[in-house]
N, C-alpha and C. Protein backbone atom coordinates (compact mmCIF):
# COMPACT_ATOMS: atom_id res chain seq x y z
N UNK A 1 139.24 81.70 28.78
CA UNK A 1 139.27 81.70 30.10
C UNK A 1 138.18 84.12 30.25
N UNK A 2 137.60 83.73 30.89
CA UNK A 2 136.27 85.20 31.21
C UNK A 2 137.06 85.70 32.14
N UNK A 3 136.75 86.74 32.82
CA UNK A 3 137.61 86.84 33.95
C UNK A 3 136.13 87.72 34.20
N UNK A 4 135.89 87.19 35.09
CA UNK A 4 134.77 88.13 36.05
C UNK A 4 135.53 89.22 37.19
N UNK A 5 134.78 90.52 36.98
CA UNK A 5 136.08 91.29 37.57
C UNK A 5 134.80 92.16 38.16
N UNK A 6 133.96 91.26 38.78
CA UNK A 6 132.61 92.46 39.78
C UNK A 6 132.53 90.69 40.58
N UNK A 7 132.99 90.23 41.61
CA UNK A 7 132.67 89.06 42.06
C UNK A 7 131.47 89.08 43.36
N UNK A 8 130.35 89.81 43.50
CA UNK A 8 128.82 90.56 44.24
C UNK A 8 128.84 91.44 43.93
N UNK A 9 127.38 92.02 44.37
CA UNK A 9 126.25 93.03 43.83
C UNK A 9 126.65 93.16 45.87
N UNK A 10 126.52 93.95 46.42
CA UNK A 10 126.32 94.12 47.81
C UNK A 10 124.73 94.83 47.99
N UNK A 11 124.55 95.50 46.99
CA UNK A 11 123.78 97.26 46.91
C UNK A 11 123.64 97.79 45.71
N UNK A 12 122.17 97.59 45.53
CA UNK A 12 122.11 98.02 43.94
C UNK A 12 120.64 99.60 44.84
N UNK A 13 120.64 100.64 43.91
CA UNK A 13 119.82 102.02 44.33
C UNK A 13 119.92 102.48 42.96
N UNK A 14 118.03 102.26 41.48
CA UNK A 14 118.14 101.93 40.36
C UNK A 14 118.27 103.37 40.19
N UNK A 15 119.15 103.25 39.17
CA UNK A 15 119.76 104.58 38.85
C UNK A 15 120.72 105.43 39.86
N UNK A 16 120.70 105.08 40.63
CA UNK A 16 121.10 105.97 42.24
C UNK A 16 122.59 106.20 42.05
N UNK A 17 122.76 104.34 42.85
CA UNK A 17 124.09 104.00 43.46
C UNK A 17 124.11 102.77 43.31
N UNK A 18 125.25 102.07 43.57
CA UNK A 18 125.55 100.72 43.86
C UNK A 18 126.75 100.47 44.08
N UNK A 19 127.14 99.51 45.17
CA UNK A 19 128.27 98.73 45.38
C UNK A 19 128.28 97.45 45.52
N UNK A 20 129.48 97.53 45.46
CA UNK A 20 129.89 96.11 44.44
C UNK A 20 131.10 95.12 44.66
N UNK A 21 131.24 93.76 44.68
CA UNK A 21 133.03 93.68 45.29
C UNK A 21 133.39 92.88 44.17
N UNK A 22 134.94 93.13 45.31
CA UNK A 22 135.35 92.72 43.14
C UNK A 22 137.33 92.17 44.27
N UNK A 23 137.28 90.73 44.19
CA UNK A 23 137.91 90.77 45.58
C UNK A 23 139.71 89.91 44.34
N UNK A 24 140.60 91.13 44.31
CA UNK A 24 141.64 90.19 43.74
C UNK A 24 142.74 88.41 43.81
N UNK A 25 142.67 88.43 42.40
CA UNK A 25 142.65 87.00 42.59
C UNK A 25 143.95 86.34 42.10
N UNK A 26 144.64 86.00 42.52
CA UNK A 26 145.80 85.45 42.62
C UNK A 26 146.57 85.26 40.74
N UNK A 27 145.73 84.72 39.72
CA UNK A 27 146.06 85.13 39.01
C UNK A 27 146.28 86.79 38.06
N UNK A 28 145.16 87.45 39.15
CA UNK A 28 145.31 88.84 38.42
C UNK A 28 146.38 89.93 38.91
N UNK A 29 146.69 89.69 40.25
CA UNK A 29 147.70 89.73 40.93
C UNK A 29 149.66 89.56 40.27
N UNK A 30 149.42 88.55 39.49
CA UNK A 30 151.36 87.99 38.74
C UNK A 30 150.99 88.16 37.62
N UNK A 31 149.86 89.06 37.09
CA UNK A 31 149.63 89.58 35.30
C UNK A 31 151.42 90.54 35.46
N UNK A 32 150.95 91.00 35.61
CA UNK A 32 152.48 92.17 35.96
C UNK A 32 153.94 91.92 35.84
N UNK A 33 153.69 90.81 37.01
CA UNK A 33 155.42 90.09 36.76
C UNK A 33 155.96 90.23 36.33
N UNK A 34 155.49 89.19 35.52
CA UNK A 34 156.62 89.05 34.19
C UNK A 34 157.59 90.35 33.20
N UNK A 35 156.56 91.63 33.15
CA UNK A 35 157.13 93.07 33.39
C UNK A 35 157.67 93.90 34.02
N UNK A 36 158.24 93.19 35.37
CA UNK A 36 158.83 94.08 36.17
C UNK A 36 158.12 94.09 37.93
N UNK A 37 156.82 94.13 37.88
CA UNK A 37 156.29 95.07 38.51
C UNK A 37 156.49 94.22 39.68
N UNK A 38 156.39 93.85 41.28
CA UNK A 38 156.58 92.43 42.15
C UNK A 38 155.25 91.85 42.10
N UNK A 39 154.34 91.47 41.48
CA UNK A 39 152.78 91.10 42.29
C UNK A 39 151.75 92.01 42.51
N UNK A 40 151.45 93.15 40.75
CA UNK A 40 149.98 94.14 41.70
C UNK A 40 148.99 93.33 40.71
N UNK A 41 148.11 93.55 41.09
CA UNK A 41 147.27 93.90 40.40
C UNK A 41 147.15 95.38 39.04
N UNK A 42 146.63 94.78 38.13
CA UNK A 42 147.08 96.23 36.57
C UNK A 42 145.82 96.98 37.54
N UNK A 43 146.14 97.90 37.08
CA UNK A 43 145.27 99.50 37.69
C UNK A 43 144.57 98.75 36.06
N UNK A 44 144.70 99.00 35.05
CA UNK A 44 143.28 99.06 34.00
C UNK A 44 141.96 98.14 34.13
N UNK A 45 143.05 96.83 35.01
CA UNK A 45 141.80 95.83 35.62
C UNK A 45 140.59 96.46 36.90
N UNK A 46 141.25 97.31 37.60
CA UNK A 46 140.53 97.80 38.30
C UNK A 46 139.56 98.91 37.65
N UNK A 47 139.86 99.46 36.85
CA UNK A 47 139.28 100.19 35.91
C UNK A 47 137.74 99.52 35.62
N UNK A 48 138.84 98.53 34.83
CA UNK A 48 137.33 97.87 34.32
C UNK A 48 136.20 97.58 35.35
N UNK A 49 135.96 97.06 36.71
CA UNK A 49 135.72 96.82 37.13
C UNK A 49 134.86 97.64 37.93
N UNK A 50 135.57 98.80 37.62
CA UNK A 50 135.08 100.57 37.80
C UNK A 50 133.77 100.44 36.64
N UNK A 51 134.18 99.98 35.65
CA UNK A 51 133.24 100.39 34.00
C UNK A 51 132.18 99.44 34.46
N UNK A 52 132.49 98.25 35.56
CA UNK A 52 131.48 96.92 35.09
C UNK A 52 130.28 97.03 35.62
N UNK A 53 131.14 97.99 37.35
CA UNK A 53 129.87 98.47 37.92
C UNK A 53 128.93 99.48 37.27
N UNK A 54 129.10 100.11 36.85
CA UNK A 54 128.20 101.25 36.17
C UNK A 54 127.59 100.25 35.00
N UNK A 55 127.96 99.73 34.72
CA UNK A 55 127.26 98.07 33.74
C UNK A 55 126.64 97.64 34.11
N UNK A 56 126.50 97.67 34.85
CA UNK A 56 125.42 96.80 36.00
C UNK A 56 124.71 97.03 36.58
N UNK A 57 124.95 98.37 37.24
CA UNK A 57 123.62 99.55 37.67
C UNK A 57 122.71 99.90 36.50
N UNK A 58 123.11 100.43 35.20
CA UNK A 58 122.17 100.66 34.21
C UNK A 58 121.33 99.40 33.57
N UNK A 59 122.51 98.20 33.91
CA UNK A 59 121.20 96.73 33.17
C UNK A 59 120.14 96.18 34.08
N UNK A 60 120.34 96.71 35.64
CA UNK A 60 119.55 96.49 35.99
C UNK A 60 118.54 98.24 36.65
N UNK A 61 118.73 98.47 36.45
CA UNK A 61 117.79 99.93 36.60
C UNK A 61 117.09 99.67 35.51
N UNK A 62 117.08 99.31 34.30
CA UNK A 62 117.07 99.19 32.79
C UNK A 62 116.37 97.70 32.23
N UNK A 63 115.83 97.47 33.87
CA UNK A 63 115.19 95.58 33.63
C UNK A 63 116.00 94.92 32.01
N UNK A 64 117.05 95.35 32.10
CA UNK A 64 117.92 94.12 31.10
C UNK A 64 117.73 94.57 29.58
N UNK A 65 117.28 95.88 29.69
CA UNK A 65 117.30 96.39 28.32
C UNK A 65 118.46 97.68 28.00
N UNK A 66 118.95 98.22 28.78
CA UNK A 66 120.33 99.47 28.36
C UNK A 66 122.11 98.78 29.06
N UNK A 67 122.60 99.10 28.55
CA UNK A 67 123.46 98.98 29.01
C UNK A 67 124.37 99.72 28.57
N UNK A 68 125.64 100.46 29.67
CA UNK A 68 126.65 101.70 29.66
C UNK A 68 127.89 101.12 29.12
N UNK A 69 127.86 102.24 28.05
CA UNK A 69 129.19 101.77 27.42
C UNK A 69 130.44 103.23 28.15
N UNK A 70 131.38 102.82 28.03
CA UNK A 70 132.54 104.06 28.63
C UNK A 70 133.19 105.18 27.47
N UNK A 71 132.27 106.45 27.87
CA UNK A 71 132.53 107.10 26.07
C UNK A 71 133.80 108.59 26.69
N UNK A 72 134.12 108.22 28.42
CA UNK A 72 135.31 109.19 28.35
C UNK A 72 135.70 109.05 30.43
N UNK A 73 136.58 109.20 30.81
CA UNK A 73 137.13 108.98 31.90
C UNK A 73 138.04 109.77 32.44
N UNK A 74 137.92 110.20 33.51
CA UNK A 74 138.30 111.10 33.63
C UNK A 74 139.09 110.73 35.40
N UNK A 75 140.10 112.00 35.28
CA UNK A 75 140.66 111.94 37.13
C UNK A 75 140.64 110.25 37.43
N UNK A 76 140.66 109.43 37.21
CA UNK A 76 140.49 107.90 37.79
C UNK A 76 142.09 107.75 37.97
N UNK A 77 141.92 107.13 39.30
CA UNK A 77 143.44 107.00 40.34
C UNK A 77 143.48 106.05 41.28
N UNK A 78 144.79 105.62 41.04
CA UNK A 78 144.82 104.14 42.24
C UNK A 78 145.99 104.91 43.64
N UNK A 79 145.69 105.09 44.96
CA UNK A 79 146.47 105.49 45.56
C UNK A 79 148.00 104.28 46.08
N UNK A 80 147.68 103.34 45.88
CA UNK A 80 148.25 102.19 45.83
C UNK A 80 147.63 100.62 44.79
N UNK A 81 148.19 100.24 44.85
CA UNK A 81 148.70 98.45 44.59
C UNK A 81 147.39 97.83 45.11
N UNK A 82 146.44 97.48 44.89
CA UNK A 82 146.01 95.94 45.32
C UNK A 82 146.73 95.04 44.70
N UNK A 83 146.59 94.20 46.34
CA UNK A 83 147.24 93.03 46.59
C UNK A 83 146.40 91.21 46.12
N UNK A 84 146.77 90.61 46.02
CA UNK A 84 146.52 89.27 46.14
C UNK A 84 145.40 88.88 46.97
N UNK A 85 144.32 88.47 46.93
CA UNK A 85 143.21 89.11 48.01
C UNK A 85 142.54 89.63 48.67
N UNK A 86 142.89 90.52 49.14
CA UNK A 86 142.22 92.55 48.65
C UNK A 86 140.25 92.50 48.50
N UNK A 87 139.90 92.75 49.47
CA UNK A 87 138.32 92.79 48.82
C UNK A 87 137.99 93.77 48.71
N UNK A 88 137.85 94.23 47.27
CA UNK A 88 137.52 95.81 47.17
C UNK A 88 136.48 95.58 46.78
N UNK A 89 135.42 97.00 47.73
CA UNK A 89 134.63 97.31 47.54
C UNK A 89 134.12 98.75 46.32
N UNK A 90 133.64 98.45 45.74
CA UNK A 90 133.54 99.39 44.30
C UNK A 90 131.84 100.00 44.59
N UNK A 91 132.65 101.67 45.06
CA UNK A 91 131.34 101.90 45.09
C UNK A 91 130.99 103.24 43.66
N UNK A 92 129.90 103.29 43.59
CA UNK A 92 129.83 104.02 42.14
C UNK A 92 128.67 105.13 41.88
N UNK A 93 128.16 106.03 42.55
CA UNK A 93 127.25 107.50 42.39
C UNK A 93 127.28 108.02 41.17
N UNK A 94 126.03 107.71 41.05
CA UNK A 94 125.45 108.43 39.55
C UNK A 94 124.75 110.17 39.90
N UNK A 95 126.34 110.95 39.42
CA UNK A 95 125.91 112.32 39.04
C UNK A 95 125.01 112.83 38.30
N UNK A 96 124.98 112.34 37.34
CA UNK A 96 123.59 112.95 36.08
C UNK A 96 123.86 111.76 35.30
N UNK A 97 122.22 111.48 35.57
CA UNK A 97 121.33 110.67 34.53
C UNK A 97 120.85 111.36 33.58
N UNK A 98 120.74 111.57 32.10
CA UNK A 98 119.51 111.48 31.26
C UNK A 98 120.01 110.99 30.09
N UNK A 99 119.13 111.12 28.86
CA UNK A 99 118.03 110.46 28.19
C UNK A 99 119.70 108.92 27.32
N UNK A 100 120.82 109.18 26.95
CA UNK A 100 121.42 108.42 26.40
C UNK A 100 122.85 108.91 26.83
N UNK A 101 122.92 109.46 28.58
CA UNK A 101 124.25 109.24 29.23
C UNK A 101 124.15 109.01 30.05
N UNK A 102 125.07 108.59 30.77
CA UNK A 102 125.19 108.25 33.10
C UNK A 102 126.22 109.19 33.20
N UNK A 103 126.35 109.35 33.93
CA UNK A 103 127.78 110.26 34.52
C UNK A 103 127.40 109.86 35.95
N UNK A 104 129.26 109.25 36.12
CA UNK A 104 129.06 108.16 37.72
C UNK A 104 130.91 108.49 38.52
N UNK A 105 130.40 108.93 39.48
CA UNK A 105 131.45 109.29 40.26
C UNK A 105 131.76 107.54 41.10
N UNK A 106 132.95 107.33 40.55
CA UNK A 106 133.34 105.76 41.02
C UNK A 106 134.35 105.29 42.30
N UNK A 107 134.43 104.98 43.21
CA UNK A 107 135.31 105.43 44.26
C UNK A 107 136.23 103.98 44.62
N UNK A 108 137.01 103.29 44.63
CA UNK A 108 137.71 101.96 45.12
C UNK A 108 137.76 101.85 46.90
N UNK A 109 137.70 100.96 47.49
CA UNK A 109 138.28 101.06 48.76
C UNK A 109 138.46 99.25 49.62
N UNK A 110 139.67 99.56 49.84
CA UNK A 110 139.88 98.38 50.64
C UNK A 110 139.48 98.46 52.50
N UNK A 111 138.81 97.20 52.74
CA UNK A 111 138.30 97.14 54.14
C UNK A 111 137.59 99.63 54.02
N UNK A 112 138.02 100.00 54.50
CA UNK A 112 136.90 101.06 54.57
C UNK A 112 137.94 102.36 53.93
N UNK A 113 139.31 102.18 53.95
CA UNK A 113 139.95 102.86 53.03
C UNK A 113 140.06 102.52 51.28
N UNK A 114 140.07 104.17 51.10
CA UNK A 114 139.70 104.55 49.73
C UNK A 114 141.05 104.54 48.42
N UNK A 115 140.98 104.36 47.80
CA UNK A 115 142.89 103.71 47.65
C UNK A 115 142.50 104.40 46.30
N UNK A 116 140.96 104.70 45.49
CA UNK A 116 141.39 105.43 44.48
C UNK A 116 139.71 105.86 43.47
N UNK A 117 139.62 105.89 42.56
CA UNK A 117 139.15 106.35 41.32
C UNK A 117 138.67 107.26 40.41
N UNK A 118 137.56 106.94 40.66
CA UNK A 118 137.81 108.88 39.56
C UNK A 118 136.11 108.98 38.51
N UNK A 119 135.90 109.54 37.63
CA UNK A 119 134.84 109.98 36.92
C UNK A 119 134.46 109.37 36.13
N UNK A 120 133.46 108.11 35.40
CA UNK A 120 133.59 107.56 34.45
C UNK A 120 132.18 108.02 34.08
N UNK A 121 132.19 108.68 32.50
CA UNK A 121 130.81 109.26 31.82
C UNK A 121 130.00 107.74 30.57
N UNK A 122 129.17 107.10 30.32
CA UNK A 122 128.64 106.21 29.79
C UNK A 122 127.50 106.51 28.91
N UNK A 123 127.99 105.83 27.30
CA UNK A 123 126.46 106.31 26.32
C UNK A 123 125.68 105.35 27.30
N UNK A 124 124.33 105.33 27.15
CA UNK A 124 124.03 103.95 27.08
C UNK A 124 122.77 104.07 25.99
N UNK A 125 123.60 102.45 25.81
CA UNK A 125 122.86 102.15 24.31
C UNK A 125 121.96 100.61 24.64
N UNK A 126 120.75 100.33 23.31
CA UNK A 126 120.10 98.93 23.92
C UNK A 126 121.29 97.78 23.95
N UNK A 127 120.74 97.02 25.42
CA UNK A 127 121.36 96.46 25.51
C UNK A 127 121.55 94.41 24.70
N UNK A 128 120.75 94.76 24.07
CA UNK A 128 121.04 93.41 22.95
C UNK A 128 121.72 94.21 21.56
N UNK A 129 122.66 94.91 21.41
CA UNK A 129 122.75 95.27 20.62
C UNK A 129 124.61 94.39 21.00
N UNK A 130 124.37 94.50 21.78
CA UNK A 130 125.96 94.24 22.53
C UNK A 130 125.89 92.82 23.64
N UNK A 131 125.20 92.40 24.09
CA UNK A 131 125.26 91.28 25.65
C UNK A 131 123.62 90.22 24.86
N UNK A 132 124.07 89.16 25.42
CA UNK A 132 122.68 88.53 25.52
C UNK A 132 122.31 88.33 26.84
N UNK A 133 120.78 89.38 27.19
CA UNK A 133 120.29 89.65 28.22
C UNK A 133 120.41 88.08 29.16
N UNK A 134 119.55 87.31 28.74
CA UNK A 134 119.60 85.75 29.34
C UNK A 134 121.05 85.50 29.46
N UNK A 135 122.14 85.37 29.15
CA UNK A 135 122.85 85.50 29.65
C UNK A 135 123.38 86.01 31.11
N UNK A 136 123.74 87.56 30.48
CA UNK A 136 123.61 88.01 31.73
C UNK A 136 122.67 87.93 33.22
N UNK A 137 121.65 88.09 33.17
CA UNK A 137 120.19 86.77 33.83
C UNK A 137 120.74 85.90 34.82
N UNK A 138 121.48 85.31 33.74
CA UNK A 138 122.38 84.06 34.94
C UNK A 138 123.59 84.26 35.67
N UNK A 139 124.29 84.96 35.14
CA UNK A 139 125.18 86.21 35.76
C UNK A 139 124.97 86.64 37.33
N UNK A 140 123.65 87.61 36.26
CA UNK A 140 123.54 88.24 37.83
C UNK A 140 122.70 87.27 38.72
N UNK A 141 121.97 86.49 38.94
CA UNK A 141 121.82 85.26 40.35
C UNK A 141 122.74 85.42 40.35
N UNK A 142 123.98 84.54 40.23
CA UNK A 142 125.18 84.11 40.93
C UNK A 142 125.59 85.61 41.34
N UNK A 143 125.38 86.70 40.62
CA UNK A 143 126.48 88.05 41.72
C UNK A 143 125.97 88.41 43.23
N UNK A 144 124.23 88.75 42.27
CA UNK A 144 123.70 89.28 43.68
C UNK A 144 123.58 88.75 44.65
N UNK A 145 124.02 89.75 45.55
CA UNK A 145 124.16 89.49 46.85
C UNK A 145 122.95 90.08 47.53
N UNK A 146 122.69 91.17 48.66
CA UNK A 146 121.61 92.27 48.98
C UNK A 146 120.47 92.87 48.29
N UNK A 147 121.38 92.54 46.85
CA UNK A 147 120.63 94.12 46.02
C UNK A 147 118.83 93.51 45.78
């Protein structure tokens, strides 16, 4: 099974910002239950959704030539757990972008309530060294909303 961390892109401004939707599935919600948590989406999956928002911003902005790989994550926090069915909006804003590095601020919202986020620094690398551009173009057609 392949997990989809981003369900829809609602807004994208090349090299500036992206707004993505991620709905917490029942499977994601139940992952921690065997470890004693009362069913909540693991924070690591929400962090991965933020990383993927940076990745999609880079892929689309570069016309499927570059990919963003996380180099460092700073001050990432979640104020509350995400529950099954929560529709999360992940807003990512580029703070600095130069030759091979993208610095972004990610914020995670449920409705209009900020529940977390942090800074992600990504290395920009050639897409074809890591992923299949044709596969990503098909996925982009599926998740691309108003962008």
